[in-house]
């Protein structure tokens, strides 16, 4: 009987820990501050997002918009306006490149510029006074008389996802006194459909304000993350 009593006392003094019970460094479970230290979860990885208003990124021959004239030099600029939040972005959108297509090019140096825009979008014009340059870069485009998609110029800028960013592709065509082309670049376009207007401007052709172009969907996109 004495031996059995000692066994019962010993069992009563023991504490059993169920699987999953925490034990602090001193051996006490459920003590304030006990258990493993909290480990911060890693931040979400950046999500890639292409801002695209056209139904297709392909270039269709015969739909380019550019300035025709007798001037030795003729400026051309093609623009699109995007609100990253409309494409699912939240927080800050970090643009990395402007993507575009070309219908024709020869000896062309093309400039890609990103602007912040605080004016109305979706209308017949963009207000130049409301464009604030964010970043710009240029590149020489390989010569070709065949339509090409998949061209890009690295341009880095950050903007709130709820704000509007405008992408512009610009180039100057040149010809000699005999009106023989020396250099030219014609942005690629198609007629596959678009969710917002394509805009064009050219001082040489009297279009100083970016104006919506019907019948041509410009292939201009922005690649980035949020």
C-alpha atoms as a PDB file:
ATOM      1  CA  UNK A   1       0.000   0.000   0.000  1.00  0.00           C
ATOM      2  CA  UNK A   2       2.814   2.423   0.836  1.00  0.00           C
ATOM      3  CA  UNK A   3       4.454   1.805  -2.554  1.00  0.00           C
ATOM      4  CA  UNK A   4       1.164   2.433  -4.403  1.00  0.00           C
ATOM      5  CA  UNK A   5       0.626   5.726  -2.541  1.00  0.00           C
ATOM      6  CA  UNK A   6       4.085   6.962  -3.531  1.00  0.00           C
ATOM      7  CA  UNK A   7       3.379   6.232  -7.210  1.00  0.00           C
ATOM      8  CA  UNK A   8       0.099   8.199  -7.107  1.00  0.00           C
ATOM      9  CA  UNK A   9       1.818  11.192  -5.473  1.00  0.00           C
ATOM     10  CA  UNK A  10       4.536  11.166  -8.134  1.00  0.00           C
ATOM     11  CA  UNK A  11       1.973  11.070 -10.946  1.00  0.00           C
ATOM     12  CA  UNK A  12       0.034  13.968  -9.454  1.00  0.00           C
ATOM     13  CA  UNK A  13       3.211  16.073  -9.357  1.00  0.00           C
ATOM     14  CA  UNK A  14       3.900  15.559 -13.068  1.00  0.00           C
ATOM     15  CA  UNK A  15       2.482  17.837 -15.754  1.00  0.00           C
ATOM     16  CA  UNK A  16       1.915  16.507 -19.209  1.00  0.00           C
ATOM     17  CA  UNK A  17       2.183  18.696 -22.300  1.00  0.00           C
ATOM     18  CA  UNK A  18      -0.148  18.022 -25.163  1.00  0.00           C
ATOM     19  CA  UNK A  19       1.253  18.274 -28.647  1.00  0.00           C
ATOM     20  CA  UNK A  20       1.385  21.932 -29.685  1.00  0.00           C
ATOM     21  CA  UNK A  21       1.626  23.353 -26.095  1.00  0.00           C
ATOM     22  CA  UNK A  22       4.248  26.120 -25.900  1.00  0.00           C
ATOM     23  CA  UNK A  23       7.064  25.984 -23.380  1.00  0.00           C
ATOM     24  CA  UNK A  24       9.099  29.050 -22.484  1.00  0.00           C
ATOM     25  CA  UNK A  25      12.851  29.065 -22.112  1.00  0.00           C
ATOM     26  CA  UNK A  26      12.526  28.346 -18.397  1.00  0.00           C
ATOM     27  CA  UNK A  27      10.263  25.388 -19.034  1.00  0.00           C
ATOM     28  CA  UNK A  28       6.942  27.102 -18.116  1.00  0.00           C
ATOM     29  CA  UNK A  29       4.242  26.844 -20.717  1.00  0.00           C
ATOM     30  CA  UNK A  30       1.755  29.605 -21.458  1.00  0.00           C
ATOM     31  CA  UNK A  31       3.895  32.124 -19.611  1.00  0.00           C
ATOM     32  CA  UNK A  32       3.809  35.755 -20.835  1.00  0.00           C
ATOM     33  CA  UNK A  33       6.397  36.117 -23.561  1.00  0.00           C
ATOM     34  CA  UNK A  34       6.894  32.385 -23.684  1.00  0.00           C
ATOM     35  CA  UNK A  35       7.077  30.297 -26.841  1.00  0.00           C
ATOM     36  CA  UNK A  36       8.927  30.948 -30.037  1.00  0.00           C
ATOM     37  CA  UNK A  37       9.573  34.579 -30.981  1.00  0.00           C
ATOM     38  CA  UNK A  38       7.246  35.856 -33.733  1.00  0.00           C
ATOM     39  CA  UNK A  39       8.815  35.740 -37.180  1.00  0.00           C
ATOM     40  CA  UNK A  40       7.796  38.498 -39.577  1.00  0.00           C
ATOM     41  CA  UNK A  41       6.394  37.182 -42.825  1.00  0.00           C
ATOM     42  CA  UNK A  42       8.369  38.231 -45.882  1.00  0.00           C
ATOM     43  CA  UNK A  43       6.792  41.051 -47.902  1.00  0.00           C
ATOM     44  CA  UNK A  44       4.809  40.131 -50.974  1.00  0.00           C
ATOM     45  CA  UNK A  45       6.946  39.768 -54.075  1.00  0.00           C
ATOM     46  CA  UNK A  46       6.367  42.471 -56.727  1.00  0.00           C
ATOM     47  CA  UNK A  47       3.646  41.549 -59.169  1.00  0.00           C
ATOM     48  CA  UNK A  48       4.261  42.123 -62.840  1.00  0.00           C
ATOM     49  CA  UNK A  49       1.620  44.104 -64.697  1.00  0.00           C
ATOM     50  CA  UNK A  50       1.480  45.353 -68.279  1.00  0.00           C
ATOM     51  CA  UNK A  51      -0.710  48.389 -68.888  1.00  0.00           C
ATOM     52  CA  UNK A  52      -2.368  47.655 -72.217  1.00  0.00           C
ATOM     53  CA  UNK A  53      -5.395  49.401 -73.761  1.00  0.00           C
ATOM     54  CA  UNK A  54      -5.305  47.726 -77.158  1.00  0.00           C
ATOM     55  CA  UNK A  55      -6.977  44.425 -77.876  1.00  0.00           C
ATOM     56  CA  UNK A  56      -3.816  43.297 -79.694  1.00  0.00           C
ATOM     57  CA  UNK A  57      -0.089  44.041 -79.476  1.00  0.00           C
ATOM     58  CA  UNK A  58       0.425  43.086 -83.115  1.00  0.00           C
ATOM     59  CA  UNK A  59       1.232  45.629 -85.812  1.00  0.00           C
ATOM     60  CA  UNK A  60      -0.925  45.674 -88.944  1.00  0.00           C
ATOM     61  CA  UNK A  61       0.513  47.254 -92.090  1.00  0.00           C
ATOM     62  CA  UNK A  62      -1.160  50.351 -93.449  1.00  0.00           C
ATOM     63  CA  UNK A  63      -2.450  51.870 -90.197  1.00  0.00           C
ATOM     64  CA  UNK A  64       0.491  54.062 -89.125  1.00  0.00           C
ATOM     65  CA  UNK A  65      -0.208  57.738 -88.354  1.00  0.00           C
ATOM     66  CA  UNK A  66       2.600  60.199 -89.128  1.00  0.00           C
ATOM     67  CA  UNK A  67       3.197  63.655 -90.590  1.00  0.00           C
ATOM     68  CA  UNK A  68       3.441  63.994 -94.366  1.00  0.00           C
ATOM     69  CA  UNK A  69       4.889  67.172 -95.829  1.00  0.00           C
ATOM     70  CA  UNK A  70       7.655  68.991 -97.678  1.00  0.00           C
ATOM     71  CA  UNK A  71       9.528  69.982 -94.515  1.00  0.00           C
ATOM     72  CA  UNK A  72      13.062  68.713 -94.202  1.00  0.00           C
ATOM     73  CA  UNK A  73      12.207  67.566 -90.662  1.00  0.00           C
ATOM     74  CA  UNK A  74       8.834  66.488 -89.312  1.00  0.00           C
ATOM     75  CA  UNK A  75       8.219  65.688 -85.651  1.00  0.00           C
ATOM     76  CA  UNK A  76       5.901  62.867 -84.603  1.00  0.00           C
ATOM     77  CA  UNK A  77       4.726  61.858 -81.136  1.00  0.00           C
ATOM     78  CA  UNK A  78       2.305  59.091 -80.163  1.00  0.00           C
ATOM     79  CA  UNK A  79       0.771  58.877 -76.687  1.00  0.00           C
ATOM     80  CA  UNK A  80      -1.441  56.767 -74.453  1.00  0.00           C
ATOM     81  CA  UNK A  81      -2.787  57.529 -70.956  1.00  0.00           C
ATOM     82  CA  UNK A  82      -3.120  54.805 -68.302  1.00  0.00           C
ATOM     83  CA  UNK A  83      -4.442  54.617 -64.732  1.00  0.00           C
ATOM     84  CA  UNK A  84      -2.679  51.561 -63.208  1.00  0.00           C
ATOM     85  CA  UNK A  85      -5.549  50.926 -60.777  1.00  0.00           C
ATOM     86  CA  UNK A  86      -7.837  50.303 -63.754  1.00  0.00           C
ATOM     87  CA  UNK A  87      -5.661  47.280 -64.552  1.00  0.00           C
ATOM     88  CA  UNK A  88      -5.618  45.889 -61.006  1.00  0.00           C
ATOM     89  CA  UNK A  89      -2.595  47.669 -59.525  1.00  0.00           C
ATOM     90  CA  UNK A  90      -2.630  48.862 -55.913  1.00  0.00           C
ATOM     91  CA  UNK A  91      -0.252  51.012 -53.910  1.00  0.00           C
ATOM     92  CA  UNK A  92       2.620  52.219 -56.087  1.00  0.00           C
ATOM     93  CA  UNK A  93       3.054  51.221 -59.708  1.00  0.00           C
ATOM     94  CA  UNK A  94       6.704  51.024 -60.782  1.00  0.00           C
ATOM     95  CA  UNK A  95       7.075  51.394 -64.518  1.00  0.00           C
ATOM     96  CA  UNK A  96      10.156  49.739 -66.000  1.00  0.00           C
ATOM     97  CA  UNK A  97       9.751  50.051 -69.762  1.00  0.00           C
ATOM     98  CA  UNK A  98       7.628  51.373 -72.589  1.00  0.00           C
ATOM     99  CA  UNK A  99       6.710  48.702 -75.133  1.00  0.00           C
ATOM    100  CA  UNK A 100       5.685  49.511 -78.690  1.00  0.00           C
ATOM    101  CA  UNK A 101       5.614  48.373 -82.284  1.00  0.00           C
ATOM    102  CA  UNK A 102       6.905  49.829 -85.538  1.00  0.00           C
ATOM    103  CA  UNK A 103       5.516  49.746 -89.051  1.00  0.00           C
ATOM    104  CA  UNK A 104       8.680  51.138 -90.662  1.00  0.00           C
ATOM    105  CA  UNK A 105      11.975  52.561 -89.481  1.00  0.00           C
ATOM    106  CA  UNK A 106      15.266  53.719 -90.931  1.00  0.00           C
ATOM    107  CA  UNK A 107      18.117  55.338 -89.014  1.00  0.00           C
ATOM    108  CA  UNK A 108      15.618  56.228 -86.316  1.00  0.00           C
ATOM    109  CA  UNK A 109      16.400  57.428 -82.810  1.00  0.00           C
ATOM    110  CA  UNK A 110      13.224  57.068 -80.751  1.00  0.00           C
ATOM    111  CA  UNK A 111      12.544  58.768 -77.421  1.00  0.00           C
ATOM    112  CA  UNK A 112      10.277  57.207 -74.785  1.00  0.00           C
ATOM    113  CA  UNK A 113       8.942  59.491 -72.062  1.00  0.00           C
ATOM    114  CA  UNK A 114       6.682  58.881 -69.068  1.00  0.00           C
ATOM    115  CA  UNK A 115       4.587  61.727 -67.672  1.00  0.00           C
ATOM    116  CA  UNK A 116       2.357  62.180 -64.667  1.00  0.00           C
ATOM    117  CA  UNK A 117      -0.980  63.585 -65.825  1.00  0.00           C
ATOM    118  CA  UNK A 118      -3.556  65.382 -63.677  1.00  0.00           C
ATOM    119  CA  UNK A 119      -6.114  66.157 -66.356  1.00  0.00           C
ATOM    120  CA  UNK A 120      -9.171  64.387 -67.688  1.00  0.00           C
ATOM    121  CA  UNK A 121      -8.634  61.242 -69.747  1.00  0.00           C
ATOM    122  CA  UNK A 122     -10.670  59.484 -72.377  1.00  0.00           C
ATOM    123  CA  UNK A 123     -11.540  62.668 -74.260  1.00  0.00           C
ATOM    124  CA  UNK A 124     -10.512  64.007 -77.640  1.00  0.00           C
ATOM    125  CA  UNK A 125      -7.322  65.709 -76.385  1.00  0.00           C
ATOM    126  CA  UNK A 126      -4.692  65.660 -73.650  1.00  0.00           C
ATOM    127  CA  UNK A 127      -3.798  68.952 -71.948  1.00  0.00           C
ATOM    128  CA  UNK A 128      -0.060  69.553 -72.393  1.00  0.00           C
ATOM    129  CA  UNK A 129      -0.039  71.932 -69.423  1.00  0.00           C
ATOM    130  CA  UNK A 130      -1.025  69.052 -67.139  1.00  0.00           C
ATOM    131  CA  UNK A 131       1.801  66.736 -68.216  1.00  0.00           C
ATOM    132  CA  UNK A 132       4.752  66.498 -65.814  1.00  0.00           C
ATOM    133  CA  UNK A 133       7.799  64.564 -67.104  1.00  0.00           C
ATOM    134  CA  UNK A 134       8.843  61.669 -64.866  1.00  0.00           C
ATOM    135  CA  UNK A 135      11.559  59.918 -66.888  1.00  0.00           C
ATOM    136  CA  UNK A 136      12.840  59.650 -70.438  1.00  0.00           C
ATOM    137  CA  UNK A 137      15.216  57.490 -72.453  1.00  0.00           C
ATOM    138  CA  UNK A 138      16.085  56.971 -76.091  1.00  0.00           C
ATOM    139  CA  UNK A 139      17.199  54.139 -78.332  1.00  0.00           C
ATOM    140  CA  UNK A 140      18.190  53.534 -81.929  1.00  0.00           C
ATOM    141  CA  UNK A 141      15.658  51.310 -83.661  1.00  0.00           C
ATOM    142  CA  UNK A 142      16.916  48.725 -86.176  1.00  0.00           C
ATOM    143  CA  UNK A 143      16.029  49.461 -89.800  1.00  0.00           C
ATOM    144  CA  UNK A 144      13.098  47.564 -91.250  1.00  0.00           C
ATOM    145  CA  UNK A 145      10.306  48.126 -93.743  1.00  0.00           C
ATOM    146  CA  UNK A 146       8.278  45.295 -92.241  1.00  0.00           C
ATOM    147  CA  UNK A 147       5.838  45.674 -89.302  1.00  0.00           C
ATOM    148  CA  UNK A 148       7.338  44.620 -85.965  1.00  0.00           C
ATOM    149  CA  UNK A 149       6.000  44.231 -82.451  1.00  0.00           C
ATOM    150  CA  UNK A 150       7.900  43.625 -79.228  1.00  0.00           C
ATOM    151  CA  UNK A 151      10.162  46.699 -79.211  1.00  0.00           C
ATOM    152  CA  UNK A 152      10.878  48.359 -75.876  1.00  0.00           C
ATOM    153  CA  UNK A 153      12.845  51.152 -74.219  1.00  0.00           C
ATOM    154  CA  UNK A 154      13.747  51.031 -70.518  1.00  0.00           C
ATOM    155  CA  UNK A 155      12.163  53.938 -68.640  1.00  0.00           C
ATOM    156  CA  UNK A 156      11.853  53.748 -64.840  1.00  0.00           C
ATOM    157  CA  UNK A 157       9.337  55.791 -62.852  1.00  0.00           C
ATOM    158  CA  UNK A 158       7.018  55.302 -59.878  1.00  0.00           C
ATOM    159  CA  UNK A 159       3.465  56.600 -59.607  1.00  0.00           C
ATOM    160  CA  UNK A 160       0.482  56.029 -57.345  1.00  0.00           C
ATOM    161  CA  UNK A 161      -1.733  53.338 -58.848  1.00  0.00           C
ATOM    162  CA  UNK A 162      -4.722  55.688 -58.707  1.00  0.00           C
ATOM    163  CA  UNK A 163      -2.943  58.413 -60.692  1.00  0.00           C
ATOM    164  CA  UNK A 164      -2.566  58.674 -64.465  1.00  0.00           C
ATOM    165  CA  UNK A 165       0.683  57.977 -66.288  1.00  0.00           C
ATOM    166  CA  UNK A 166       1.128  58.929 -69.940  1.00  0.00           C
ATOM    167  CA  UNK A 167       3.559  57.084 -72.212  1.00  0.00           C
ATOM    168  CA  UNK A 168       4.906  58.902 -75.254  1.00  0.00           C
ATOM    169  CA  UNK A 169       6.966  57.598 -78.167  1.00  0.00           C
ATOM    170  CA  UNK A 170       8.536  60.370 -80.257  1.00  0.00           C
ATOM    171  CA  UNK A 171      10.751  60.523 -83.325  1.00  0.00           C
ATOM    172  CA  UNK A 172      11.655  62.931 -86.130  1.00  0.00           C
ATOM    173  CA  UNK A 173      11.491  62.088 -89.818  1.00  0.00           C
ATOM    174  CA  UNK A 174      14.045  63.781 -92.084  1.00  0.00           C
ATOM    175  CA  UNK A 175      14.375  64.096 -95.847  1.00  0.00           C
ATOM    176  CA  UNK A 176      16.697  65.950 -98.245  1.00  0.00           C
ATOM    177  CA  UNK A 177      15.822  68.797-100.592  1.00  0.00           C
ATOM    178  CA  UNK A 178      14.734  66.278-103.207  1.00  0.00           C
ATOM    179  CA  UNK A 179      12.237  64.890-100.627  1.00  0.00           C
ATOM    180  CA  UNK A 180      14.096  61.603-100.437  1.00  0.00           C
ATOM    181  CA  UNK A 181      13.729  60.132 -96.925  1.00  0.00           C
ATOM    182  CA  UNK A 182      16.888  60.047 -94.830  1.00  0.00           C
ATOM    183  CA  UNK A 183      15.534  58.860 -91.495  1.00  0.00           C
ATOM    184  CA  UNK A 184      12.025  57.881 -90.432  1.00  0.00           C
ATOM    185  CA  UNK A 185      10.077  56.007 -87.803  1.00  0.00           C
ATOM    186  CA  UNK A 186       6.385  55.139 -88.019  1.00  0.00           C
ATOM    187  CA  UNK A 187       4.804  53.750 -84.872  1.00  0.00           C
ATOM    188  CA  UNK A 188       2.949  50.473 -85.288  1.00  0.00           C
ATOM    189  CA  UNK A 189      -0.832  50.377 -85.067  1.00  0.00           C
ATOM    190  CA  UNK A 190      -3.778  48.107 -85.772  1.00  0.00           C
ATOM    191  CA  UNK A 191      -7.557  48.228 -85.795  1.00  0.00           C
ATOM    192  CA  UNK A 192      -8.191  45.371 -83.351  1.00  0.00           C
ATOM    193  CA  UNK A 193      -9.980  47.647 -80.864  1.00  0.00           C
ATOM    194  CA  UNK A 194      -8.999  49.607 -77.772  1.00  0.00           C
ATOM    195  CA  UNK A 195     -10.444  50.609 -74.412  1.00  0.00           C
ATOM    196  CA  UNK A 196      -9.119  54.194 -74.497  1.00  0.00           C
ATOM    197  CA  UNK A 197      -8.033  56.656 -77.203  1.00  0.00           C
ATOM    198  CA  UNK A 198      -4.696  56.797 -78.987  1.00  0.00           C
ATOM    199  CA  UNK A 199      -3.261  60.340 -79.131  1.00  0.00           C
ATOM    200  CA  UNK A 200      -0.966  61.969 -81.688  1.00  0.00           C
ATOM    201  CA  UNK A 201       0.796  65.318 -81.987  1.00  0.00           C
ATOM    202  CA  UNK A 202       3.061  66.966 -84.573  1.00  0.00           C
ATOM    203  CA  UNK A 203       3.978  70.648 -84.698  1.00  0.00           C
ATOM    204  CA  UNK A 204       5.114  70.242 -88.301  1.00  0.00           C
ATOM    205  CA  UNK A 205       1.610  69.158 -89.281  1.00  0.00           C
ATOM    206  CA  UNK A 206      -0.185  71.702 -87.106  1.00  0.00           C
ATOM    207  CA  UNK A 207      -1.277  69.273 -84.380  1.00  0.00           C
ATOM    208  CA  UNK A 208       0.390  70.844 -81.344  1.00  0.00           C
ATOM    209  CA  UNK A 209      -2.033  69.328 -78.818  1.00  0.00           C
ATOM    210  CA  UNK A 210      -2.184  65.537 -78.453  1.00  0.00           C
ATOM    211  CA  UNK A 211      -5.390  64.588 -80.242  1.00  0.00           C
ATOM    212  CA  UNK A 212      -7.309  61.318 -80.384  1.00  0.00           C
ATOM    213  CA  UNK A 213      -6.930  59.410 -83.637  1.00  0.00           C
ATOM    214  CA  UNK A 214      -9.811  57.414 -85.008  1.00  0.00           C
ATOM    215  CA  UNK A 215      -9.147  54.385 -87.146  1.00  0.00           C
ATOM    216  CA  UNK A 216      -5.756  53.572 -85.615  1.00  0.00           C
ATOM    217  CA  UNK A 217      -5.038  51.795 -82.324  1.00  0.00           C
ATOM    218  CA  UNK A 218      -1.454  52.636 -81.358  1.00  0.00           C
ATOM    219  CA  UNK A 219       0.687  49.796 -80.040  1.00  0.00           C
ATOM    220  CA  UNK A 220       2.029  51.445 -76.875  1.00  0.00           C
ATOM    221  CA  UNK A 221       2.148  49.670 -73.516  1.00  0.00           C
ATOM    222  CA  UNK A 222       3.913  50.063 -70.179  1.00  0.00           C
ATOM    223  CA  UNK A 223       5.590  47.167 -68.392  1.00  0.00           C
ATOM    224  CA  UNK A 224       6.159  47.320 -64.636  1.00  0.00           C
ATOM    225  CA  UNK A 225       5.306  45.979 -61.184  1.00  0.00           C
ATOM    226  CA  UNK A 226       3.265  46.922 -58.123  1.00  0.00           C
END
